[in-house]
Amino acid sequence: MGEEEKVLTGGNASGHVIQVGATVRKPWIENTSVVQSFLAALRSHGVDAPQPLGRDESGRQTVEYVGGSIALGQMPLGTDDLRRVGRMIRRIHDVSESVPMPEIEGWTMLLPVDDANLMCHNDLAPWNLVIGDRWVFIDWDAAGPSTRLWDLAYAAQAFAMLINGEPIASAASRLRAFADGYEADALLREALPAAMAKRTAAMFDLLRHSNKTGLQPWSDMYVNGHGDFWRDAAEYVAQNQTAWERALSRSQ
């Protein structure tokens, strides 16, 4: 008799997510074979990512199940934890430079960026970080060609909680801790505030456009609270550029 299948929550854009024993099963999609190869390459260089396990007997993609708590439930993270996350992402990006890029032509990216030159997770956020005996980023289905700055801008906004209603000083302090952990250089620190504004606005535009065209699951997400959240976040990030620039300045 096969092991019991347990439906996991989350996975807004991943289809049905099922736990079977020590594994997670999801639909096999067009880019899954490339993503599984990417995960294997990261692991071979010491990045603790979920182990890719190919297809199961039903044709679903299979990866290792990583136990622990989702970081989203522990926000805001403290300074040391934010630095740790920054270091994790820096390691992923550095190792990714050794991973061959797939053919970009014909590759579908939800939020494409000009001059993509790096395989990236593209959703490095508290809802995709498992914290337990191991700290591991999960849900790599959106991985694909991007840039270090574009990927980092999304992660920085999310982990620093640059969102409507947060005291600006507290958010800026978290942003600095995250960037310090990443060991961002002067050029990256200078570029990050504007990139965060552009990346956050792009997320809202994706949801708004999807609602107009009926593209799922983002169309439903737009009307179920995600649209309001990302609209407000985009305004917050854009309106407080000076605070982010000051926080990221090495002179502070």
Protein backbone atom coordinates (compact mmCIF):
# COMPACT_ATOMS: atom_id res chain seq x y z
CA MET A 1 0.00 0.00 0.00
CA GLY A 2 1.34 3.44 -0.94
CA GLU A 3 2.02 6.13 1.62
CA GLU A 4 -0.75 8.54 2.58
CA GLU A 5 -0.96 11.74 0.55
CA LYS A 6 -1.40 14.95 2.52
CA VAL A 7 -2.44 18.22 0.87
CA LEU A 8 -0.14 21.08 1.87
CA THR A 9 -1.33 24.67 2.17
CA GLY A 10 0.25 27.54 0.25
CA GLY A 11 1.55 27.15 -3.25
CA ASN A 12 -0.64 29.86 -4.80
CA ALA A 13 0.95 29.37 -8.22
CA SER A 14 2.18 25.79 -7.92
CA GLY A 15 -1.00 23.82 -8.39
CA HIS A 16 -1.80 21.01 -5.94
CA VAL A 17 1.05 20.47 -3.50
CA ILE A 18 1.07 17.03 -1.87
CA GLN A 19 3.25 15.57 0.85
CA VAL A 20 3.97 11.87 0.55
CA GLY A 21 6.19 10.72 3.38
CA ALA A 22 9.47 12.62 3.17
CA THR A 23 8.70 14.01 -0.28
CA VAL A 24 6.64 16.77 -1.91
CA ARG A 25 4.79 16.14 -5.18
CA LYS A 26 3.64 18.83 -7.62
CA PRO A 27 2.58 18.93 -11.27
CA TRP A 28 5.45 18.48 -13.72
CA ILE A 29 5.53 21.66 -15.82
CA GLU A 30 7.53 22.85 -18.82
CA ASN A 31 10.57 24.09 -16.92
CA THR A 32 10.67 21.39 -14.22
CA SER A 33 13.55 19.41 -15.72
CA VAL A 34 15.71 22.57 -15.85
CA VAL A 35 14.73 23.51 -12.30
CA GLN A 36 15.58 20.06 -10.97
CA SER A 37 18.98 20.27 -12.65
CA PHE A 38 19.45 23.71 -11.10
CA LEU A 39 18.66 22.37 -7.63
CA ALA A 40 21.10 19.51 -8.12
CA ALA A 41 23.84 21.94 -9.16
CA LEU A 42 23.23 24.17 -6.13
CA ARG A 43 23.36 21.19 -3.80
CA SER A 44 26.57 19.93 -5.39
CA HIS A 45 28.18 23.25 -4.41
CA GLY A 46 26.98 23.13 -0.81
CA VAL A 47 23.73 25.11 -0.97
CA ASP A 48 21.09 23.47 1.23
CA ALA A 49 18.20 23.30 -1.24
CA PRO A 50 15.49 20.63 -1.45
CA GLN A 51 16.83 17.47 -3.07
CA PRO A 52 15.30 16.95 -6.55
CA LEU A 53 13.93 13.42 -6.97
CA GLY A 54 12.63 13.36 -10.55
CA ARG A 55 9.15 12.10 -11.46
CA ASP A 56 6.93 9.78 -9.49
CA GLU A 57 4.77 6.97 -10.90
CA SER A 58 2.02 9.52 -11.63
CA GLY A 59 4.33 11.83 -13.58
CA ARG A 60 4.51 14.45 -10.85
CA GLN A 61 7.70 16.25 -9.94
CA THR A 62 9.14 15.04 -6.67
CA VAL A 63 11.42 16.90 -4.26
CA GLU A 64 12.53 16.40 -0.70
CA TYR A 65 10.13 17.55 2.02
CA VAL A 66 11.87 19.98 4.39
CA GLY A 67 10.36 20.09 7.86
CA GLY A 68 10.11 23.21 9.98
CA SER A 69 8.13 26.45 10.25
CA ILE A 70 7.53 28.94 7.46
CA ALA A 71 9.35 32.20 8.17
CA LEU A 72 6.25 34.22 7.33
CA GLY A 73 4.78 33.25 10.70
CA GLN A 74 7.84 34.62 12.51
CA MET A 75 8.00 38.07 10.94
CA PRO A 76 9.57 40.46 11.53
CA LEU A 77 12.85 38.59 11.76
CA GLY A 78 15.49 39.95 14.11
CA THR A 79 18.77 41.48 13.02
CA ASP A 80 20.84 38.30 13.29
CA ASP A 81 18.25 36.27 11.40
CA LEU A 82 18.02 38.88 8.65
CA ARG A 83 21.78 38.77 8.26
CA ARG A 84 21.60 35.00 8.06
CA VAL A 85 19.00 35.18 5.30
CA GLY A 86 21.14 37.72 3.45
CA ARG A 87 24.10 35.34 3.64
CA MET A 88 21.95 32.46 2.37
CA ILE A 89 20.83 34.44 -0.67
CA ARG A 90 24.36 35.66 -1.38
CA ARG A 91 25.54 32.04 -1.40
CA ILE A 92 22.74 31.02 -3.78
CA HIS A 93 23.60 33.85 -6.17
CA ASP A 94 27.33 33.21 -6.05
CA VAL A 95 26.90 29.49 -6.76
CA SER A 96 24.36 30.23 -9.50
CA GLU A 97 27.09 32.01 -11.45
CA SER A 98 28.59 28.58 -12.13
CA VAL A 99 25.28 27.13 -13.40
CA PRO A 100 24.85 27.28 -17.19
CA MET A 101 22.00 29.52 -18.28
CA PRO A 102 19.15 27.86 -20.19
CA GLU A 103 18.08 29.24 -23.55
CA ILE A 104 16.30 32.48 -22.70
CA GLU A 105 14.39 32.68 -25.98
CA GLY A 106 10.98 31.17 -25.42
CA TRP A 107 11.41 31.00 -21.63
CA THR A 108 8.29 32.35 -19.94
CA MET A 109 9.04 34.63 -16.99
CA LEU A 110 6.24 36.29 -15.04
CA LEU A 111 8.40 39.32 -14.28
CA PRO A 112 11.18 39.36 -16.87
CA VAL A 113 14.15 41.67 -16.60
CA ASP A 114 16.47 43.04 -19.26
CA ASP A 115 19.87 41.42 -19.70
CA ALA A 116 19.14 38.32 -17.62
CA ASN A 117 22.44 36.65 -16.79
CA LEU A 118 21.80 34.39 -13.80
CA MET A 119 19.53 31.51 -12.84
CA CYS A 120 17.49 32.80 -9.89
CA HIS A 121 14.78 31.54 -7.56
CA ASN A 122 12.60 34.59 -8.33
CA ASP A 123 10.46 34.21 -5.19
CA LEU A 124 12.92 34.42 -2.29
CA ALA A 125 10.47 35.54 0.37
CA PRO A 126 9.34 34.64 3.90
CA TRP A 127 6.57 32.40 2.54
CA ASN A 128 9.22 30.24 0.84
CA LEU A 129 11.75 29.95 3.68
CA VAL A 130 11.54 26.99 6.04
CA ILE A 131 13.12 27.54 9.46
CA GLY A 132 13.94 24.54 11.61
CA ASP A 133 16.99 22.36 12.11
CA ARG A 134 17.81 23.59 8.62
CA TRP A 135 17.06 26.92 6.97
CA VAL A 136 16.01 26.14 3.42
CA PHE A 137 14.31 28.02 0.59
CA ILE A 138 11.58 25.92 -0.98
CA ASP A 139 9.20 26.24 -3.97
CA TRP A 140 11.68 26.71 -6.81
CA ASP A 141 9.08 26.32 -9.58
CA ALA A 142 9.47 29.93 -10.74
CA ALA A 143 13.25 29.65 -11.07
CA GLY A 144 14.64 30.98 -14.31
CA PRO A 145 16.83 33.60 -15.99
CA SER A 146 17.06 36.89 -14.10
CA THR A 147 19.69 39.10 -12.49
CA ARG A 148 21.22 39.33 -9.05
CA LEU A 149 19.73 42.80 -8.49
CA TRP A 150 16.19 41.91 -9.61
CA ASP A 151 16.10 38.78 -7.43
CA LEU A 152 17.64 40.62 -4.47
CA ALA A 153 15.25 43.57 -4.75
CA TYR A 154 12.26 41.28 -4.25
CA ALA A 155 13.87 39.44 -1.33
CA ALA A 156 15.00 42.65 0.37
CA GLN A 157 11.54 44.24 0.19
CA ALA A 158 9.91 41.07 1.51
CA PHE A 159 12.28 40.19 4.35
CA ALA A 160 12.77 43.79 5.51
CA MET A 161 8.96 44.13 5.56
CA LEU A 162 8.89 47.30 3.50
CA ILE A 163 5.12 47.34 3.59
CA ASN A 164 2.37 49.82 4.33
CA GLY A 165 1.94 50.51 8.03
CA GLU A 166 5.49 49.62 9.09
CA PRO A 167 7.45 52.37 10.90
CA ILE A 168 9.98 53.64 8.39
CA ALA A 169 12.90 53.59 10.83
CA SER A 170 12.28 49.94 11.76
CA ALA A 171 11.90 48.89 8.14
CA ALA A 172 15.08 50.74 7.18
CA SER A 173 17.00 49.06 9.99
CA ARG A 174 15.85 45.64 8.81
CA LEU A 175 16.83 46.48 5.24
CA ARG A 176 20.32 47.42 6.37
CA ALA A 177 20.74 44.17 8.32
CA PHE A 178 19.62 42.13 5.30
CA ALA A 179 22.02 43.96 2.96
CA ASP A 180 24.86 43.64 5.47
CA GLY A 181 24.32 39.88 5.61
CA TYR A 182 24.39 39.74 1.83
CA GLU A 183 27.62 41.79 1.92
CA ALA A 184 26.24 44.01 -0.81
CA ASP A 185 28.88 46.24 -2.37
CA ALA A 186 28.51 49.97 -2.94
CA LEU A 187 27.09 49.63 -6.45
CA LEU A 188 24.47 47.14 -5.36
CA ARG A 189 23.49 49.26 -2.36
CA GLU A 190 23.12 52.29 -4.58
CA ALA A 191 20.94 50.44 -7.09
CA LEU A 192 18.77 48.56 -4.61
CA PRO A 193 16.22 51.24 -3.55
CA ALA A 194 15.10 52.01 -7.11
CA ALA A 195 15.12 48.30 -8.00
CA MET A 196 12.88 47.53 -5.02
CA ALA A 197 10.41 50.20 -6.14
CA LYS A 198 10.39 48.88 -9.70
CA ARG A 199 10.13 45.24 -8.62
CA THR A 200 7.30 45.86 -6.15
CA ALA A 201 5.37 47.90 -8.71
CA ALA A 202 5.88 45.11 -11.26
CA MET A 203 4.28 42.63 -8.88
CA PHE A 204 1.22 44.82 -8.50
CA ASP A 205 1.02 45.37 -12.27
CA LEU A 206 1.14 41.59 -12.82
CA LEU A 207 -1.80 41.06 -10.50
CA ARG A 208 -3.81 43.96 -11.92
CA HIS A 209 -3.23 42.91 -15.53
CA SER A 210 -4.01 39.27 -14.70
CA ASN A 211 -7.32 40.33 -13.21
CA LYS A 212 -8.21 42.11 -16.44
CA THR A 213 -7.23 39.17 -18.64
CA GLY A 214 -8.39 36.35 -16.36
CA LEU A 215 -4.91 34.84 -16.00
CA GLN A 216 -4.99 32.43 -13.08
CA PRO A 217 -4.15 32.10 -10.28
CA TRP A 218 -3.10 35.78 -10.18
CA SER A 219 -6.53 37.00 -11.22
CA ASP A 220 -8.14 35.51 -8.13
CA MET A 221 -5.20 36.58 -5.97
CA TYR A 222 -5.75 40.18 -7.07
CA VAL A 223 -9.29 40.27 -5.67
CA ASN A 224 -8.47 38.17 -2.59
CA GLY A 225 -6.25 40.74 -0.94
CA HIS A 226 -2.99 40.43 -2.85
CA GLY A 227 -3.87 43.32 -5.15
CA ASP A 228 -4.41 45.76 -2.28
CA PHE A 229 -1.31 44.49 -0.48
CA TRP A 230 1.03 44.95 -3.44
CA ARG A 231 -0.48 48.31 -4.45
CA ASP A 232 0.13 49.65 -0.93
CA ALA A 233 3.60 48.08 -0.76
CA ALA A 234 4.58 49.62 -4.09
CA GLU A 235 3.51 53.07 -2.88
CA TYR A 236 5.33 52.62 0.44
CA VAL A 237 8.60 51.54 -1.17
CA ALA A 238 8.49 54.33 -3.76
CA GLN A 239 7.60 57.08 -1.29
CA ASN A 240 10.45 56.27 1.11
CA GLN A 241 13.40 56.01 -1.25
CA THR A 242 15.46 58.49 0.76
CA ALA A 243 15.11 56.37 3.91
CA TRP A 244 16.25 53.24 2.06
CA GLU A 245 19.18 55.07 0.50
CA ARG A 246 20.26 56.38 3.89
CA ALA A 247 19.95 52.95 5.51
CA LEU A 248 22.05 51.32 2.80
CA SER A 249 24.77 53.95 2.84
CA ARG A 250 28.02 52.59 4.22
CA SER A 251 28.55 55.91 6.01
CA GLN A 252 25.65 55.24 8.38
